[in-house]
Amino acid sequence: MTQTVLPAKDYDAFRNFLESACGIVLGDNKHYLVTSRLNRLTSEFSFASLSDMLDALQTGRDKQLSERVIDAMTTNETSWFRDGYPFEMLKKSILPELAKKRPRSLRVWSAASSTGQEAYSISMIISEFQKENPGALTGRVEIVGTDISSTVVKQARTGKYDELSMARGLSADRKQKFFTDNGDGGWTVNADIRARCRFTELNLLNKYVLLGKFDIIFCRNVLIYFSSEMKTDILTRMVQVLNPGGLLFLGGSESPTGYCRDFEMARLPEGVVYRLKE
């Protein structure tokens, strides 16, 4: 079945569903995106047309359908050490400062962690820092990766990646140091890197308190998909799970300015991060 144009009524209804379900705001000109991403689900769930599937979606009775639709509409764009500078900042400026305080633990939250590359990249940086600074950060280190998509969370937990995924942002040196060749064209993150990371499903519109407190939050290239009201809500609730002086990493085009007054910009040699005001 092919449906090239989604009727305006159906498109508006779907936009309302998506924003209500996960906060993602679609513009007025995303008809093709919605159609192309959802068409394949019509046959999977045995609907005669995309319009029929969207009608069923509105009832809210099929949880699996709702999950698969949200899954299909989530970008899940990711790579190893994405953009570079946040990880350099972590290694060269933030971890050295934290290590001076000799914390009993260090907790990092990778929000919208997709298939796990960001969380595992953070873990690799911590391993490199510890190797270069013996005796530093000896306390417990935990990296929590969350995503609304159950599909990508399951993949992240396996720590297994194909050659195409491995080629995106990962140096040959880190590939050899932190991964094991499965012999079938795939690679698995080494156990010591995986041991620091755990992954769980989380809708950013829901409560965060059960995750516990964090010293650092990575929420990069996520807020751009939300309305102004949702941005304020998300940032305000992130304040509640950050320890005093905690740090927030956002995407290069994102800022808490105008949405949350609890953060101040910290300019470090490698780039910009936002610090929770004390």
C-alpha atoms as a PDB file:
ATOM      1  CA  MET A   1       0.000   0.000   0.000  1.00  0.00           C
ATOM      2  CA  THR A   2       1.292   3.469  -0.877  1.00  0.00           C
ATOM      3  CA  GLN A   3      -0.176   6.702   0.413  1.00  0.00           C
ATOM      4  CA  THR A   4       1.705   9.739  -0.833  1.00  0.00           C
ATOM      5  CA  VAL A   5      -0.422  12.465   0.726  1.00  0.00           C
ATOM      6  CA  LEU A   6      -1.741  12.425   4.282  1.00  0.00           C
ATOM      7  CA  PRO A   7      -5.046  14.329   4.571  1.00  0.00           C
ATOM      8  CA  ALA A   8      -4.770  17.537   6.626  1.00  0.00           C
ATOM      9  CA  LYS A   9      -7.295  16.232   9.173  1.00  0.00           C
ATOM     10  CA  ASP A  10      -5.272  13.073   9.791  1.00  0.00           C
ATOM     11  CA  TYR A  11      -1.992  14.992   9.904  1.00  0.00           C
ATOM     12  CA  ASP A  12      -3.285  17.444  12.502  1.00  0.00           C
ATOM     13  CA  ALA A  13      -4.678  14.609  14.604  1.00  0.00           C
ATOM     14  CA  PHE A  14      -1.367  12.789  14.431  1.00  0.00           C
ATOM     15  CA  ARG A  15       0.564  15.917  15.417  1.00  0.00           C
ATOM     16  CA  ASN A  16      -1.635  16.239  18.486  1.00  0.00           C
ATOM     17  CA  PHE A  17      -1.108  12.581  19.372  1.00  0.00           C
ATOM     18  CA  LEU A  18       2.685  12.798  19.034  1.00  0.00           C
ATOM     19  CA  GLU A  19       3.000  15.955  21.128  1.00  0.00           C
ATOM     20  CA  SER A  20       0.741  14.544  23.822  1.00  0.00           C
ATOM     21  CA  ALA A  21       2.516  11.172  23.872  1.00  0.00           C
ATOM     22  CA  CYS A  22       6.162  12.253  23.852  1.00  0.00           C
ATOM     23  CA  GLY A  23       6.367  16.028  23.463  1.00  0.00           C
ATOM     24  CA  ILE A  24       7.699  16.046  19.897  1.00  0.00           C
ATOM     25  CA  VAL A  25       6.319  18.995  17.938  1.00  0.00           C
ATOM     26  CA  LEU A  26       5.910  18.536  14.185  1.00  0.00           C
ATOM     27  CA  GLY A  27       5.842  21.532  11.870  1.00  0.00           C
ATOM     28  CA  ASP A  28       3.209  22.211   9.226  1.00  0.00           C
ATOM     29  CA  ASN A  29       5.216  20.664   6.390  1.00  0.00           C
ATOM     30  CA  LYS A  30       6.132  17.201   7.654  1.00  0.00           C
ATOM     31  CA  HIS A  31       3.403  15.249   5.814  1.00  0.00           C
ATOM     32  CA  TYR A  32       5.949  13.335   3.733  1.00  0.00           C
ATOM     33  CA  LEU A  33       8.083  12.489   6.786  1.00  0.00           C
ATOM     34  CA  VAL A  34       5.091  11.097   8.668  1.00  0.00           C
ATOM     35  CA  THR A  35       3.855   9.149   5.649  1.00  0.00           C
ATOM     36  CA  SER A  36       7.250   7.652   4.823  1.00  0.00           C
ATOM     37  CA  ARG A  37       7.983   6.589   8.395  1.00  0.00           C
ATOM     38  CA  LEU A  38       4.568   5.154   9.188  1.00  0.00           C
ATOM     39  CA  ASN A  39       3.512   3.511   5.918  1.00  0.00           C
ATOM     40  CA  ARG A  40       5.431   0.302   6.647  1.00  0.00           C
ATOM     41  CA  LEU A  41       3.548  -0.099   9.930  1.00  0.00           C
ATOM     42  CA  THR A  42       0.194  -0.365   8.165  1.00  0.00           C
ATOM     43  CA  SER A  43       1.017  -3.806   6.785  1.00  0.00           C
ATOM     44  CA  GLU A  44       2.763  -4.852   9.990  1.00  0.00           C
ATOM     45  CA  PHE A  45      -0.451  -4.175  11.944  1.00  0.00           C
ATOM     46  CA  SER A  46      -2.769  -5.270   9.080  1.00  0.00           C
ATOM     47  CA  PHE A  47      -4.438  -1.933   8.392  1.00  0.00           C
ATOM     48  CA  ALA A  48      -5.928  -1.199   4.972  1.00  0.00           C
ATOM     49  CA  SER A  49      -4.566   2.330   4.956  1.00  0.00           C
ATOM     50  CA  LEU A  50      -2.493   4.780   6.928  1.00  0.00           C
ATOM     51  CA  SER A  51      -5.649   6.728   7.767  1.00  0.00           C
ATOM     52  CA  ASP A  52      -7.183   3.586   9.294  1.00  0.00           C
ATOM     53  CA  MET A  53      -4.076   3.069  11.413  1.00  0.00           C
ATOM     54  CA  LEU A  54      -4.132   6.677  12.614  1.00  0.00           C
ATOM     55  CA  ASP A  55      -7.810   6.301  13.532  1.00  0.00           C
ATOM     56  CA  ALA A  56      -6.933   3.265  15.652  1.00  0.00           C
ATOM     57  CA  LEU A  57      -4.045   5.175  17.193  1.00  0.00           C
ATOM     58  CA  GLN A  58      -6.424   7.841  18.501  1.00  0.00           C
ATOM     59  CA  THR A  59      -8.328   5.298  20.608  1.00  0.00           C
ATOM     60  CA  GLY A  60      -5.226   4.577  22.687  1.00  0.00           C
ATOM     61  CA  ARG A  61      -6.240   0.951  23.168  1.00  0.00           C
ATOM     62  CA  ASP A  62      -3.288  -0.647  21.360  1.00  0.00           C
ATOM     63  CA  LYS A  63      -0.211   0.102  23.455  1.00  0.00           C
ATOM     64  CA  GLN A  64       2.079  -1.816  21.109  1.00  0.00           C
ATOM     65  CA  LEU A  65       0.886   0.255  18.151  1.00  0.00           C
ATOM     66  CA  SER A  66       1.502   3.495  20.063  1.00  0.00           C
ATOM     67  CA  GLU A  67       5.010   2.365  21.003  1.00  0.00           C
ATOM     68  CA  ARG A  68       5.878   1.357  17.449  1.00  0.00           C
ATOM     69  CA  VAL A  69       4.599   4.647  16.039  1.00  0.00           C
ATOM     70  CA  ILE A  70       6.610   6.698  18.534  1.00  0.00           C
ATOM     71  CA  ASP A  71       9.592   4.469  17.779  1.00  0.00           C
ATOM     72  CA  ALA A  72       9.246   5.171  14.058  1.00  0.00           C
ATOM     73  CA  MET A  73       9.008   8.936  14.597  1.00  0.00           C
ATOM     74  CA  THR A  74      12.009   9.158  16.910  1.00  0.00           C
ATOM     75  CA  THR A  75      15.087  10.287  14.999  1.00  0.00           C
ATOM     76  CA  ASN A  76      17.640   8.192  16.954  1.00  0.00           C
ATOM     77  CA  GLU A  77      20.493  10.010  15.228  1.00  0.00           C
ATOM     78  CA  THR A  78      23.710   9.155  17.039  1.00  0.00           C
ATOM     79  CA  SER A  79      27.400   8.394  16.686  1.00  0.00           C
ATOM     80  CA  TRP A  80      30.452   7.774  18.832  1.00  0.00           C
ATOM     81  CA  PHE A  81      31.885  10.909  20.492  1.00  0.00           C
ATOM     82  CA  ARG A  82      29.364  13.014  18.601  1.00  0.00           C
ATOM     83  CA  ASP A  83      30.632  16.575  17.961  1.00  0.00           C
ATOM     84  CA  GLY A  84      33.847  15.817  19.803  1.00  0.00           C
ATOM     85  CA  TYR A  85      34.153  18.835  22.082  1.00  0.00           C
ATOM     86  CA  PRO A  86      31.801  17.688  24.898  1.00  0.00           C
ATOM     87  CA  PHE A  87      33.951  14.615  25.424  1.00  0.00           C
ATOM     88  CA  GLU A  88      37.173  16.604  25.253  1.00  0.00           C
ATOM     89  CA  MET A  89      35.678  18.994  27.805  1.00  0.00           C
ATOM     90  CA  LEU A  90      34.751  16.081  30.030  1.00  0.00           C
ATOM     91  CA  LYS A  91      38.235  14.573  29.871  1.00  0.00           C
ATOM     92  CA  LYS A  92      40.392  17.696  30.024  1.00  0.00           C
ATOM     93  CA  SER A  93      38.423  20.080  32.233  1.00  0.00           C
ATOM     94  CA  ILE A  94      35.495  18.508  34.075  1.00  0.00           C
ATOM     95  CA  LEU A  95      36.870  15.169  35.276  1.00  0.00           C
ATOM     96  CA  PRO A  96      40.118  16.735  36.576  1.00  0.00           C
ATOM     97  CA  GLU A  97      38.058  19.251  38.586  1.00  0.00           C
ATOM     98  CA  LEU A  98      35.766  16.560  39.932  1.00  0.00           C
ATOM     99  CA  ALA A  99      38.680  14.285  40.802  1.00  0.00           C
ATOM    100  CA  LYS A 100      40.143  16.964  43.091  1.00  0.00           C
ATOM    101  CA  LYS A 101      37.048  16.647  45.270  1.00  0.00           C
ATOM    102  CA  ARG A 102      37.572  12.877  45.585  1.00  0.00           C
ATOM    103  CA  PRO A 103      33.873  12.069  45.211  1.00  0.00           C
ATOM    104  CA  ARG A 104      32.550   8.817  46.587  1.00  0.00           C
ATOM    105  CA  SER A 105      30.571   8.402  43.386  1.00  0.00           C
ATOM    106  CA  LEU A 106      29.991   9.971  39.992  1.00  0.00           C
ATOM    107  CA  ARG A 107      26.666   9.663  38.192  1.00  0.00           C
ATOM    108  CA  VAL A 108      26.026  10.742  34.609  1.00  0.00           C
ATOM    109  CA  TRP A 109      22.699  10.733  32.781  1.00  0.00           C
ATOM    110  CA  SER A 110      22.619  10.325  29.005  1.00  0.00           C
ATOM    111  CA  ALA A 111      19.091  11.439  28.155  1.00  0.00           C
ATOM    112  CA  ALA A 112      17.748  10.262  24.801  1.00  0.00           C
ATOM    113  CA  SER A 113      20.661   7.824  24.622  1.00  0.00           C
ATOM    114  CA  SER A 114      19.413   6.029  21.499  1.00  0.00           C
ATOM    115  CA  THR A 115      21.445   2.867  20.792  1.00  0.00           C
ATOM    116  CA  GLY A 116      23.982   3.651  23.506  1.00  0.00           C
ATOM    117  CA  GLN A 117      26.885   5.310  21.717  1.00  0.00           C
ATOM    118  CA  GLU A 118      26.844   8.438  23.893  1.00  0.00           C
ATOM    119  CA  ALA A 119      26.757   6.541  27.188  1.00  0.00           C
ATOM    120  CA  TYR A 120      29.520   4.151  26.120  1.00  0.00           C
ATOM    121  CA  SER A 121      31.595   7.082  24.780  1.00  0.00           C
ATOM    122  CA  ILE A 122      31.377   8.703  28.220  1.00  0.00           C
ATOM    123  CA  SER A 123      32.477   5.449  29.821  1.00  0.00           C
ATOM    124  CA  MET A 124      35.481   5.231  27.478  1.00  0.00           C
ATOM    125  CA  ILE A 125      36.477   8.794  28.359  1.00  0.00           C
ATOM    126  CA  ILE A 126      36.350   7.916  32.044  1.00  0.00           C
ATOM    127  CA  SER A 127      38.556   4.865  31.449  1.00  0.00           C
ATOM    128  CA  GLU A 128      41.082   6.965  29.539  1.00  0.00           C
ATOM    129  CA  PHE A 129      41.111   9.585  32.287  1.00  0.00           C
ATOM    130  CA  GLN A 130      41.629   6.974  35.016  1.00  0.00           C
ATOM    131  CA  LYS A 131      44.473   5.359  33.089  1.00  0.00           C
ATOM    132  CA  GLU A 132      46.193   8.715  32.606  1.00  0.00           C
ATOM    133  CA  ASN A 133      45.538   9.726  36.231  1.00  0.00           C
ATOM    134  CA  PRO A 134      46.123   6.695  38.469  1.00  0.00           C
ATOM    135  CA  GLY A 135      44.184   6.893  41.718  1.00  0.00           C
ATOM    136  CA  ALA A 136      41.688   9.445  40.376  1.00  0.00           C
ATOM    137  CA  LEU A 137      37.952   8.817  40.453  1.00  0.00           C
ATOM    138  CA  THR A 138      38.216   5.628  42.462  1.00  0.00           C
ATOM    139  CA  GLY A 139      34.629   5.841  43.659  1.00  0.00           C
ATOM    140  CA  ARG A 140      31.622   4.251  42.007  1.00  0.00           C
ATOM    141  CA  VAL A 141      30.852   5.547  38.519  1.00  0.00           C
ATOM    142  CA  GLU A 142      27.444   5.004  36.950  1.00  0.00           C
ATOM    143  CA  ILE A 143      26.171   6.168  33.571  1.00  0.00           C
ATOM    144  CA  VAL A 144      22.419   5.914  33.048  1.00  0.00           C
ATOM    145  CA  GLY A 145      21.167   5.949  29.460  1.00  0.00           C
ATOM    146  CA  THR A 146      17.473   6.547  28.837  1.00  0.00           C
ATOM    147  CA  ASP A 147      15.328   6.669  25.718  1.00  0.00           C
ATOM    148  CA  ILE A 148      11.627   6.572  24.930  1.00  0.00           C
ATOM    149  CA  SER A 149      12.194   3.826  22.354  1.00  0.00           C
ATOM    150  CA  SER A 150      12.179   0.284  23.723  1.00  0.00           C
ATOM    151  CA  THR A 151      13.858  -0.895  20.505  1.00  0.00           C
ATOM    152  CA  VAL A 152      16.974   1.228  20.863  1.00  0.00           C
ATOM    153  CA  VAL A 153      17.181   0.597  24.622  1.00  0.00           C
ATOM    154  CA  LYS A 154      17.295  -3.149  23.973  1.00  0.00           C
ATOM    155  CA  GLN A 155      20.048  -2.682  21.404  1.00  0.00           C
ATOM    156  CA  ALA A 156      22.038  -0.425  23.737  1.00  0.00           C
ATOM    157  CA  ARG A 157      21.929  -3.082  26.446  1.00  0.00           C
ATOM    158  CA  THR A 158      23.541  -5.647  24.149  1.00  0.00           C
ATOM    159  CA  GLY A 159      26.548  -3.382  23.491  1.00  0.00           C
ATOM    160  CA  LYS A 160      26.807  -4.930  20.011  1.00  0.00           C
ATOM    161  CA  TYR A 161      27.339  -2.880  16.839  1.00  0.00           C
ATOM    162  CA  ASP A 162      27.845  -3.569  13.152  1.00  0.00           C
ATOM    163  CA  GLU A 163      30.680  -2.189  11.045  1.00  0.00           C
ATOM    164  CA  LEU A 164      28.577   0.705   9.752  1.00  0.00           C
ATOM    165  CA  SER A 165      27.801   1.866  13.283  1.00  0.00           C
ATOM    166  CA  MET A 166      31.429   1.416  14.332  1.00  0.00           C
ATOM    167  CA  ALA A 167      32.612   3.668  11.511  1.00  0.00           C
ATOM    168  CA  ARG A 168      30.686   6.678  12.782  1.00  0.00           C
ATOM    169  CA  GLY A 169      33.041   8.712  14.984  1.00  0.00           C
ATOM    170  CA  LEU A 170      35.129   5.904  16.429  1.00  0.00           C
ATOM    171  CA  SER A 171      38.898   5.956  15.985  1.00  0.00           C
ATOM    172  CA  ALA A 172      40.798   2.783  15.141  1.00  0.00           C
ATOM    173  CA  ASP A 173      42.687   3.060  18.440  1.00  0.00           C
ATOM    174  CA  ARG A 174      39.541   3.211  20.563  1.00  0.00           C
ATOM    175  CA  LYS A 175      37.979   0.440  18.516  1.00  0.00           C
ATOM    176  CA  GLN A 176      40.884  -1.852  19.376  1.00  0.00           C
ATOM    177  CA  LYS A 177      41.064  -0.797  23.031  1.00  0.00           C
ATOM    178  CA  PHE A 178      37.411  -0.875  23.987  1.00  0.00           C
ATOM    179  CA  PHE A 179      35.734  -3.446  21.729  1.00  0.00           C
ATOM    180  CA  THR A 180      35.911  -7.159  20.995  1.00  0.00           C
ATOM    181  CA  ASP A 181      35.612  -8.452  17.442  1.00  0.00           C
ATOM    182  CA  ASN A 182      32.726 -10.913  17.296  1.00  0.00           C
ATOM    183  CA  GLY A 183      34.113 -12.506  14.149  1.00  0.00           C
ATOM    184  CA  ASP A 184      30.848 -12.031  12.275  1.00  0.00           C
ATOM    185  CA  GLY A 185      31.302  -8.434  11.169  1.00  0.00           C
ATOM    186  CA  GLY A 186      30.096  -7.104  14.502  1.00  0.00           C
ATOM    187  CA  TRP A 187      31.789  -5.734  17.613  1.00  0.00           C
ATOM    188  CA  THR A 188      30.885  -5.791  21.312  1.00  0.00           C
ATOM    189  CA  VAL A 189      31.760  -3.140  23.897  1.00  0.00           C
ATOM    190  CA  ASN A 190      34.216  -4.570  26.422  1.00  0.00           C
ATOM    191  CA  ALA A 191      32.821  -5.650  29.792  1.00  0.00           C
ATOM    192  CA  ASP A 192      34.610  -2.993  31.848  1.00  0.00           C
ATOM    193  CA  ILE A 193      33.101  -0.197  29.713  1.00  0.00           C
ATOM    194  CA  ARG A 194      29.654  -1.763  29.808  1.00  0.00           C
ATOM    195  CA  ALA A 195      29.774  -2.326  33.568  1.00  0.00           C
ATOM    196  CA  ARG A 196      29.390   1.404  34.249  1.00  0.00           C
ATOM    197  CA  CYS A 197      26.353   1.755  31.995  1.00  0.00           C
ATOM    198  CA  ARG A 198      22.732   0.803  32.408  1.00  0.00           C
ATOM    199  CA  PHE A 199      19.869   1.579  30.076  1.00  0.00           C
ATOM    200  CA  THR A 200      16.182   2.032  30.731  1.00  0.00           C
ATOM    201  CA  GLU A 201      13.115   3.323  28.935  1.00  0.00           C
ATOM    202  CA  LEU A 202      12.017   6.831  29.871  1.00  0.00           C
ATOM    203  CA  ASN A 203       9.667   9.354  28.335  1.00  0.00           C
ATOM    204  CA  LEU A 204      11.105  12.817  29.064  1.00  0.00           C
ATOM    205  CA  LEU A 205       7.572  14.002  29.780  1.00  0.00           C
ATOM    206  CA  ASN A 206       7.427  11.667  32.792  1.00  0.00           C
ATOM    207  CA  LYS A 207       9.038  11.961  36.226  1.00  0.00           C
ATOM    208  CA  TYR A 208      12.814  11.666  36.628  1.00  0.00           C
ATOM    209  CA  VAL A 209      13.089  11.337  40.403  1.00  0.00           C
ATOM    210  CA  LEU A 210      13.317   7.544  40.336  1.00  0.00           C
ATOM    211  CA  LEU A 211      16.572   7.867  38.388  1.00  0.00           C
ATOM    212  CA  GLY A 212      18.266   9.399  41.438  1.00  0.00           C
ATOM    213  CA  LYS A 213      20.633  12.366  41.542  1.00  0.00           C
ATOM    214  CA  PHE A 214      23.274  13.140  38.916  1.00  0.00           C
ATOM    215  CA  ASP A 215      26.472  15.140  38.698  1.00  0.00           C
ATOM    216  CA  ILE A 216      26.296  15.532  34.916  1.00  0.00           C
ATOM    217  CA  ILE A 217      23.442  15.371  32.403  1.00  0.00           C
ATOM    218  CA  PHE A 218      23.916  14.981  28.660  1.00  0.00           C
ATOM    219  CA  CYS A 219      20.724  16.127  26.915  1.00  0.00           C
ATOM    220  CA  ARG A 220      22.109  17.071  23.529  1.00  0.00           C
ATOM    221  CA  ASN A 221      20.073  17.814  20.408  1.00  0.00           C
ATOM    222  CA  VAL A 222      16.864  16.850  22.195  1.00  0.00           C
ATOM    223  CA  LEU A 223      15.187  20.089  23.266  1.00  0.00           C
ATOM    224  CA  ILE A 224      14.936  21.238  19.649  1.00  0.00           C
ATOM    225  CA  TYR A 225      12.033  18.826  19.165  1.00  0.00           C
ATOM    226  CA  PHE A 226       9.913  20.268  21.985  1.00  0.00           C
ATOM    227  CA  SER A 227       7.668  23.289  22.390  1.00  0.00           C
ATOM    228  CA  SER A 228       8.777  26.219  24.566  1.00  0.00           C
ATOM    229  CA  GLU A 229       6.511  25.047  27.383  1.00  0.00           C
ATOM    230  CA  MET A 230       7.934  21.533  27.215  1.00  0.00           C
ATOM    231  CA  LYS A 231      11.504  22.841  27.207  1.00  0.00           C
ATOM    232  CA  THR A 232      10.801  24.766  30.397  1.00  0.00           C
ATOM    233  CA  ASP A 233       9.185  21.725  31.988  1.00  0.00           C
ATOM    234  CA  ILE A 234      12.026  19.359  31.060  1.00  0.00           C
ATOM    235  CA  LEU A 235      14.793  21.716  32.196  1.00  0.00           C
ATOM    236  CA  THR A 236      13.002  22.505  35.458  1.00  0.00           C
ATOM    237  CA  ARG A 237      12.688  18.822  36.280  1.00  0.00           C
ATOM    238  CA  MET A 238      16.311  18.199  35.352  1.00  0.00           C
ATOM    239  CA  VAL A 239      17.261  20.808  37.956  1.00  0.00           C
ATOM    240  CA  GLN A 240      15.570  18.605  40.546  1.00  0.00           C
ATOM    241  CA  VAL A 241      17.792  15.605  39.772  1.00  0.00           C
ATOM    242  CA  LEU A 242      21.096  17.491  39.489  1.00  0.00           C
ATOM    243  CA  ASN A 243      23.426  17.724  42.469  1.00  0.00           C
ATOM    244  CA  PRO A 244      24.501  21.239  43.550  1.00  0.00           C
ATOM    245  CA  GLY A 245      26.860  22.653  40.929  1.00  0.00           C
ATOM    246  CA  GLY A 246      25.886  19.869  38.523  1.00  0.00           C
ATOM    247  CA  LEU A 247      26.533  20.237  34.806  1.00  0.00           C
ATOM    248  CA  LEU A 248      24.207  20.117  31.820  1.00  0.00           C
ATOM    249  CA  PHE A 249      25.411  19.462  28.265  1.00  0.00           C
ATOM    250  CA  LEU A 250      23.104  20.683  25.507  1.00  0.00           C
ATOM    251  CA  GLY A 251      23.426  20.642  21.719  1.00  0.00           C
ATOM    252  CA  GLY A 252      25.307  23.394  19.933  1.00  0.00           C
ATOM    253  CA  SER A 253      22.094  25.190  18.946  1.00  0.00           C
ATOM    254  CA  GLU A 254      20.391  24.729  22.322  1.00  0.00           C
ATOM    255  CA  SER A 255      20.400  26.884  25.452  1.00  0.00           C
ATOM    256  CA  PRO A 256      18.406  27.074  28.704  1.00  0.00           C
ATOM    257  CA  THR A 257      18.157  30.856  28.289  1.00  0.00           C
ATOM    258  CA  GLY A 258      14.532  31.914  28.273  1.00  0.00           C
ATOM    259  CA  TYR A 259      13.345  28.560  29.589  1.00  0.00           C
ATOM    260  CA  CYS A 260      15.061  28.025  32.930  1.00  0.00           C
ATOM    261  CA  ARG A 261      16.925  30.471  35.190  1.00  0.00           C
ATOM    262  CA  ASP A 262      18.651  27.859  37.323  1.00  0.00           C
ATOM    263  CA  PHE A 263      21.645  27.444  34.996  1.00  0.00           C
ATOM    264  CA  GLU A 264      24.604  29.660  34.255  1.00  0.00           C
ATOM    265  CA  MET A 265      26.896  29.319  31.268  1.00  0.00           C
ATOM    266  CA  ALA A 266      30.405  28.019  31.969  1.00  0.00           C
ATOM    267  CA  ARG A 267      32.943  28.708  29.217  1.00  0.00           C
ATOM    268  CA  LEU A 268      35.715  26.127  29.322  1.00  0.00           C
ATOM    269  CA  PRO A 269      38.695  25.884  26.942  1.00  0.00           C
ATOM    270  CA  GLU A 270      36.978  23.139  24.950  1.00  0.00           C
ATOM    271  CA  GLY A 271      33.497  24.690  24.767  1.00  0.00           C
ATOM    272  CA  VAL A 272      30.366  25.645  26.671  1.00  0.00           C
ATOM    273  CA  VAL A 273      28.503  23.747  29.377  1.00  0.00           C
ATOM    274  CA  TYR A 274      25.728  24.865  31.743  1.00  0.00           C
ATOM    275  CA  ARG A 275      26.230  24.752  35.505  1.00  0.00           C
ATOM    276  CA  LEU A 276      23.447  24.560  38.067  1.00  0.00           C
ATOM    277  CA  LYS A 277      23.515  27.685  40.208  1.00  0.00           C
ATOM    278  CA  GLU A 278      24.312  27.062  43.863  1.00  0.00           C
END
